[in-house]
Amino acid sequence: MTKKLAGAFPVLPTPFRHDGAIDESDFFAIIDFAIGSGADGVVYPGVASEVDTLTPEERRRQVALLAERVAGRIPIVIGASDPDPKASAQHIAQAAEIGAAAAMVMAPFHLGNDIAAQTAYFKQVSDGAGVPIMLQNQPKPIGAGLTPEEVADVAKAVPAIRYIKEETPPCGQHLTRIKAATNGSVDAIFGGAGGRYITDELARGAAGTMPAAELADIHAALIHAWQSGDVRTARKLYVASLPLLNFQAIFRMHMTKEVLRRRGVIKNVFVRGKGPKFDDGDRAELALLLAEADLPYKHFVPN
């Protein structure tokens, strides 16, 4: 029987050189960092991977490189979201090809709260899938923002859905309601939303979290402490991480890549996606936040 997924599953970013091309060396370094940090698995590609900027060829190659580098050491969850069910099914097929533990599919925004349509979509994408499906519930306008009961209805109607990633606020309350509504029909429910509500989610029975990757070590240590019953240490790590997570909520991939650079993991911080960029004041604040955080992995490069 396949072991159920649980723990810290960081969503890996896609590193780009200054010319916008993917830096495969930096990508391998990020994978090594996640594994060395004690992550229980990795997720790729997702929103935090700038997946919407990747060509189909880039996306497929990156997934293949990920599987090659991980080499079975930890589980991989492949992001397989696409508004087109045929395209999503192709991503799911590649997930099965590389031996992924699951394929994560976001409930599409364009189908909204039409549960019959959402159910039909998930049945189509999972038809013949050789890998378990994780239903990702993102708030509007990125995802459909389904209610907890709607998430449960879709999951119960599609047997291939074995996992749920809930990211629609209030995440903790929604996780409780999904757990009650599914009544054991799925294997596990994960939190997301950058890990900003992780202790509440764990207290309500979340199997783990899928945040961005720059704090993979602190998230792994936090969850492992919680799993061992050391709630005090888990909450201490949560308090240490929260100022950085609040900063990340604004700057997203810019924050993730800059922190990974300052921690000596990657060399390049180019971001293809849109969003706020740092100014000098932001860089100074980030340096202070990193200095104040109780990070298990303390190596930093000069600013």
Protein backbone atom coordinates (compact mmCIF):
# COMPACT_ATOMS: atom_id res chain seq x y z
CA MET A 1 0.00 0.00 0.00
CA THR A 2 1.34 3.46 -0.93
CA LYS A 3 2.23 5.61 2.05
CA LYS A 4 -0.06 8.59 2.51
CA LEU A 5 1.53 11.99 1.91
CA ALA A 6 2.22 14.18 4.94
CA GLY A 7 4.61 16.88 6.09
CA ALA A 8 6.37 19.85 4.50
CA PHE A 9 6.10 19.96 0.70
CA PRO A 10 7.66 23.21 -0.58
CA VAL A 11 6.62 24.48 -4.00
CA LEU A 12 9.84 24.95 -5.94
CA PRO A 13 10.45 28.18 -7.87
CA THR A 14 11.70 28.23 -11.44
CA PRO A 15 15.06 30.05 -11.55
CA PHE A 16 15.80 32.25 -14.54
CA ARG A 17 19.02 33.84 -15.73
CA HIS A 18 19.14 37.57 -16.42
CA ASP A 19 18.13 36.94 -20.03
CA GLY A 20 14.98 35.12 -18.88
CA ALA A 21 16.19 31.62 -19.78
CA ILE A 22 15.78 28.85 -17.22
CA ASP A 23 18.89 28.19 -15.12
CA GLU A 24 19.00 24.41 -14.71
CA SER A 25 22.00 24.56 -12.38
CA ASP A 26 20.10 26.82 -9.99
CA PHE A 27 17.08 24.50 -10.28
CA PHE A 28 19.17 21.54 -9.15
CA ALA A 29 20.51 23.64 -6.27
CA ILE A 30 16.96 24.45 -5.14
CA ILE A 31 16.02 20.76 -5.22
CA ASP A 32 19.12 19.88 -3.19
CA PHE A 33 18.30 22.64 -0.70
CA ALA A 34 14.76 21.32 -0.21
CA ILE A 35 15.95 17.76 0.34
CA GLY A 36 18.80 18.89 2.60
CA SER A 37 16.35 20.97 4.61
CA GLY A 38 14.39 17.86 5.55
CA ALA A 39 11.39 18.46 3.30
CA ASP A 40 9.05 15.48 3.17
CA GLY A 41 8.38 16.05 -0.53
CA VAL A 42 8.36 18.76 -3.19
CA VAL A 43 5.76 20.30 -5.46
CA TYR A 44 6.39 21.54 -9.02
CA PRO A 45 5.26 23.47 -10.95
CA GLY A 46 2.77 25.69 -9.14
CA VAL A 47 1.80 29.33 -8.89
CA ALA A 48 5.02 29.97 -6.92
CA SER A 49 6.94 28.38 -9.83
CA GLU A 50 5.67 31.07 -12.26
CA VAL A 51 4.05 28.19 -14.10
CA ASP A 52 1.96 30.54 -16.24
CA THR A 53 5.17 31.88 -17.82
CA LEU A 54 6.54 28.47 -18.83
CA THR A 55 6.17 27.12 -22.35
CA PRO A 56 4.83 23.54 -22.65
CA GLU A 57 8.33 22.40 -23.63
CA GLU A 58 9.94 24.13 -20.64
CA ARG A 59 7.35 22.73 -18.28
CA ARG A 60 7.82 19.18 -19.50
CA ARG A 61 11.62 19.36 -19.37
CA GLN A 62 11.62 20.86 -15.87
CA VAL A 63 9.44 18.04 -14.58
CA ALA A 64 11.79 15.49 -16.13
CA LEU A 65 14.82 17.22 -14.59
CA LEU A 66 13.10 17.28 -11.21
CA ALA A 67 12.47 13.55 -11.29
CA GLU A 68 16.05 12.89 -12.37
CA ARG A 69 17.51 14.98 -9.56
CA VAL A 70 15.21 13.72 -6.80
CA ALA A 71 15.84 10.14 -7.90
CA GLY A 72 13.18 8.71 -5.63
CA ARG A 73 14.56 10.18 -2.41
CA ILE A 74 11.34 12.01 -1.50
CA PRO A 75 7.82 12.12 -3.00
CA ILE A 76 7.05 14.52 -5.84
CA VAL A 77 3.68 16.20 -6.38
CA ILE A 78 3.38 17.46 -9.94
CA GLY A 79 1.34 20.59 -10.62
CA ALA A 80 -1.04 19.61 -13.41
CA SER A 81 -3.48 22.51 -13.45
CA ASP A 82 -4.85 23.85 -16.73
CA PRO A 83 -8.27 25.27 -17.67
CA ASP A 84 -8.25 22.85 -20.61
CA PRO A 85 -8.95 19.36 -19.24
CA LYS A 86 -7.04 17.75 -22.12
CA ALA A 87 -3.91 19.74 -21.27
CA SER A 88 -4.30 18.91 -17.58
CA ALA A 89 -4.63 15.22 -18.45
CA GLN A 90 -1.34 15.42 -20.35
CA HIS A 91 0.40 16.88 -17.29
CA ILE A 92 -1.11 14.11 -15.16
CA ALA A 93 0.17 11.52 -17.63
CA GLN A 94 3.70 12.90 -17.27
CA ALA A 95 3.32 12.79 -13.49
CA ALA A 96 2.55 9.09 -13.79
CA GLU A 97 5.48 8.59 -16.17
CA ILE A 98 8.00 9.95 -13.66
CA GLY A 99 6.50 8.07 -10.72
CA ALA A 100 5.05 11.11 -8.95
CA ALA A 101 3.17 10.55 -5.70
CA ALA A 102 0.28 12.75 -6.84
CA ALA A 103 -0.79 15.31 -9.43
CA MET A 104 -2.24 18.58 -8.12
CA VAL A 105 -5.05 20.16 -10.13
CA MET A 106 -6.66 23.50 -9.28
CA ALA A 107 -10.44 23.79 -9.46
CA PRO A 108 -10.70 26.09 -12.51
CA PHE A 109 -11.80 29.68 -12.02
CA HIS A 110 -13.88 29.74 -15.20
CA LEU A 111 -16.15 26.96 -13.89
CA GLY A 112 -16.84 28.87 -10.69
CA ASN A 113 -19.16 27.24 -8.17
CA ASP A 114 -20.93 25.09 -10.75
CA ILE A 115 -20.29 21.80 -8.98
CA ALA A 116 -21.67 19.68 -11.80
CA ALA A 117 -19.18 21.34 -14.17
CA GLN A 118 -16.30 21.04 -11.68
CA THR A 119 -17.10 17.38 -11.14
CA ALA A 120 -17.22 16.72 -14.88
CA TYR A 121 -13.88 18.51 -15.29
CA PHE A 122 -12.15 16.42 -12.61
CA LYS A 123 -13.64 13.20 -13.95
CA GLN A 124 -12.30 14.04 -17.39
CA VAL A 125 -8.78 14.96 -16.27
CA SER A 126 -8.49 11.92 -14.00
CA ASP A 127 -9.88 9.39 -16.46
CA GLY A 128 -7.25 6.66 -16.66
CA ALA A 129 -4.83 8.60 -14.48
CA GLY A 130 -2.03 6.46 -13.11
CA VAL A 131 -1.47 8.76 -10.16
CA PRO A 132 -3.65 10.08 -7.29
CA ILE A 133 -5.19 13.53 -7.79
CA MET A 134 -4.92 16.42 -5.33
CA LEU A 135 -7.71 18.99 -5.68
CA GLN A 136 -6.29 22.48 -5.07
CA ASN A 137 -8.85 25.04 -3.92
CA GLN A 138 -7.48 28.53 -4.55
CA PRO A 139 -9.48 31.68 -3.84
CA LYS A 140 -10.84 33.77 -6.69
CA PRO A 141 -9.66 35.14 -9.07
CA ILE A 142 -6.85 32.58 -9.38
CA GLY A 143 -9.03 29.58 -8.60
CA ALA A 144 -12.70 28.81 -8.19
CA GLY A 145 -12.81 29.52 -4.45
CA LEU A 146 -15.14 26.61 -3.73
CA THR A 147 -16.87 26.36 -0.37
CA PRO A 148 -15.68 23.51 1.87
CA GLU A 149 -18.84 21.55 1.20
CA GLU A 150 -18.45 22.04 -2.55
CA VAL A 151 -14.85 20.79 -2.35
CA ALA A 152 -16.09 17.71 -0.50
CA ASP A 153 -18.87 17.11 -3.04
CA VAL A 154 -16.39 17.11 -5.94
CA ALA A 155 -13.91 14.92 -4.08
CA LYS A 156 -16.56 12.35 -3.15
CA ALA A 157 -17.85 12.23 -6.74
CA VAL A 158 -14.37 11.61 -8.23
CA PRO A 159 -12.63 8.57 -6.69
CA ALA A 160 -9.24 9.55 -8.16
CA ILE A 161 -9.15 12.61 -5.85
CA ARG A 162 -7.23 11.35 -2.83
CA TYR A 163 -5.89 14.66 -1.48
CA ILE A 164 -7.08 18.23 -1.04
CA LYS A 165 -5.02 21.41 -0.74
CA GLU A 166 -7.17 24.11 0.85
CA GLU A 167 -6.10 27.75 0.41
CA THR A 168 -9.32 29.75 0.63
CA PRO A 169 -9.55 31.90 3.80
CA PRO A 170 -10.39 31.36 6.56
CA CYS A 171 -8.19 28.35 5.84
CA GLY A 172 -8.39 26.73 9.27
CA GLN A 173 -12.17 26.86 9.47
CA HIS A 174 -12.47 25.60 5.91
CA LEU A 175 -10.12 22.72 6.63
CA THR A 176 -12.31 21.67 9.58
CA ARG A 177 -15.43 21.80 7.43
CA ILE A 178 -13.82 19.88 4.55
CA LYS A 179 -12.64 17.21 6.97
CA ALA A 180 -16.16 16.85 8.36
CA ALA A 181 -17.82 16.87 4.93
CA THR A 182 -15.44 14.34 3.34
CA ASN A 183 -15.75 12.07 6.39
CA GLY A 184 -12.63 10.06 5.62
CA SER A 185 -13.24 9.74 1.87
CA VAL A 186 -9.86 11.34 1.05
CA ASP A 187 -6.43 10.35 2.33
CA ALA A 188 -5.32 13.76 3.60
CA ILE A 189 -5.91 17.51 3.51
CA PHE A 190 -3.01 19.94 3.16
CA GLY A 191 -2.81 23.63 3.93
CA GLY A 192 -1.22 26.21 1.68
CA ALA A 193 -1.50 30.01 1.56
CA GLY A 194 2.24 30.32 2.02
CA GLY A 195 2.28 28.62 5.41
CA ARG A 196 0.89 31.73 7.08
CA TYR A 197 -1.78 29.74 8.98
CA ILE A 198 0.15 26.54 9.49
CA THR A 199 -0.26 26.04 13.24
CA ASP A 200 -4.01 26.56 13.04
CA GLU A 201 -4.18 24.12 10.14
CA LEU A 202 -2.12 21.48 11.95
CA ALA A 203 -4.25 21.86 15.06
CA ARG A 204 -7.31 21.14 12.90
CA GLY A 205 -5.84 17.97 11.42
CA ALA A 206 -3.95 19.11 8.32
CA ALA A 207 -1.48 16.51 7.05
CA GLY A 208 1.02 19.22 6.22
CA THR A 209 1.61 22.34 4.18
CA MET A 210 2.77 23.38 0.71
CA PRO A 211 4.37 26.83 1.00
CA ALA A 212 7.06 28.50 -1.10
CA ALA A 213 10.57 27.06 -0.81
CA GLU A 214 12.78 29.74 0.73
CA LEU A 215 11.98 28.60 4.30
CA ALA A 216 11.87 24.88 3.54
CA ASP A 217 14.05 24.09 6.54
CA ILE A 218 12.00 26.03 9.06
CA HIS A 219 8.75 24.56 7.73
CA ALA A 220 10.16 21.03 7.87
CA ALA A 221 11.44 21.55 11.41
CA LEU A 222 8.11 23.07 12.47
CA ILE A 223 6.02 20.20 11.15
CA HIS A 224 8.37 17.54 12.44
CA ALA A 225 8.26 19.12 15.90
CA TRP A 226 4.46 19.16 15.75
CA GLN A 227 4.34 15.54 14.63
CA SER A 228 6.52 14.53 17.58
CA GLY A 229 4.25 16.35 20.01
CA ASP A 230 6.60 19.30 20.58
CA VAL A 231 4.01 22.00 19.99
CA ARG A 232 6.06 24.61 21.87
CA THR A 233 8.97 24.33 19.43
CA ALA A 234 6.59 24.29 16.47
CA ARG A 235 4.93 27.51 17.59
CA LYS A 236 8.32 29.12 18.27
CA LEU A 237 9.37 28.38 14.70
CA TYR A 238 6.05 29.72 13.44
CA VAL A 239 6.59 33.01 15.27
CA ALA A 240 10.11 33.24 13.81
CA SER A 241 8.87 32.67 10.28
CA LEU A 242 5.76 34.86 10.25
CA PRO A 243 7.39 38.27 9.60
CA LEU A 244 9.14 36.77 6.59
CA LEU A 245 5.92 35.15 5.38
CA ASN A 246 4.12 38.48 5.64
CA PHE A 247 6.86 40.02 3.50
CA GLN A 248 6.52 37.14 1.05
CA ALA A 249 2.77 37.76 0.77
CA ILE A 250 3.60 41.06 -0.97
CA PHE A 251 6.68 40.26 -3.03
CA ARG A 252 6.00 36.59 -3.83
CA MET A 253 8.58 35.17 -6.26
CA HIS A 254 10.87 38.19 -5.83
CA MET A 255 11.03 37.43 -2.11
CA THR A 256 11.51 33.68 -2.60
CA LYS A 257 14.37 34.07 -5.03
CA GLU A 258 16.11 36.89 -3.15
CA VAL A 259 16.07 34.88 0.09
CA LEU A 260 17.39 31.81 -1.70
CA ARG A 261 20.16 33.96 -3.17
CA ARG A 262 21.05 35.44 0.21
CA ARG A 263 21.12 31.96 1.68
CA GLY A 264 23.66 30.90 -0.94
CA VAL A 265 21.34 28.49 -2.77
CA ILE A 266 20.96 30.24 -6.15
CA LYS A 267 22.78 32.91 -8.11
CA ASN A 268 19.98 34.41 -10.22
CA VAL A 269 16.82 36.20 -9.08
CA PHE A 270 15.17 37.16 -12.36
CA VAL A 271 11.37 36.94 -12.23
CA ARG A 272 9.29 36.53 -15.40
CA GLY A 273 5.98 37.05 -13.62
CA LYS A 274 4.33 40.30 -12.67
CA GLY A 275 4.20 41.84 -9.23
CA PRO A 276 5.88 44.36 -6.89
CA LYS A 277 9.67 44.57 -6.96
CA PHE A 278 12.07 45.50 -4.14
CA ASP A 279 13.43 48.97 -3.60
CA ASP A 280 16.40 49.77 -1.34
CA GLY A 281 14.19 50.08 1.72
CA ASP A 282 12.67 46.65 1.10
CA ARG A 283 16.12 45.09 0.74
CA ALA A 284 17.20 46.64 4.04
CA GLU A 285 14.07 45.38 5.79
CA LEU A 286 14.53 41.89 4.37
CA ALA A 287 18.10 41.79 5.66
CA LEU A 288 16.84 42.63 9.16
CA LEU A 289 14.07 40.05 9.01
CA LEU A 290 16.53 37.34 7.98
CA ALA A 291 18.96 38.34 10.73
CA GLU A 292 16.18 38.19 13.33
CA ALA A 293 14.66 34.89 12.18
CA ASP A 294 15.67 31.71 13.97
CA LEU A 295 16.49 29.80 10.81
CA PRO A 296 17.95 26.30 11.19
CA TYR A 297 20.08 26.83 8.05
CA LYS A 298 21.99 30.03 8.82
CA HIS A 299 24.39 30.47 5.91
CA PHE A 300 24.01 33.86 4.24
CA VAL A 301 25.94 35.51 1.42
CA PRO A 302 26.81 39.22 1.57
CA ASN A 303 24.01 41.56 0.51
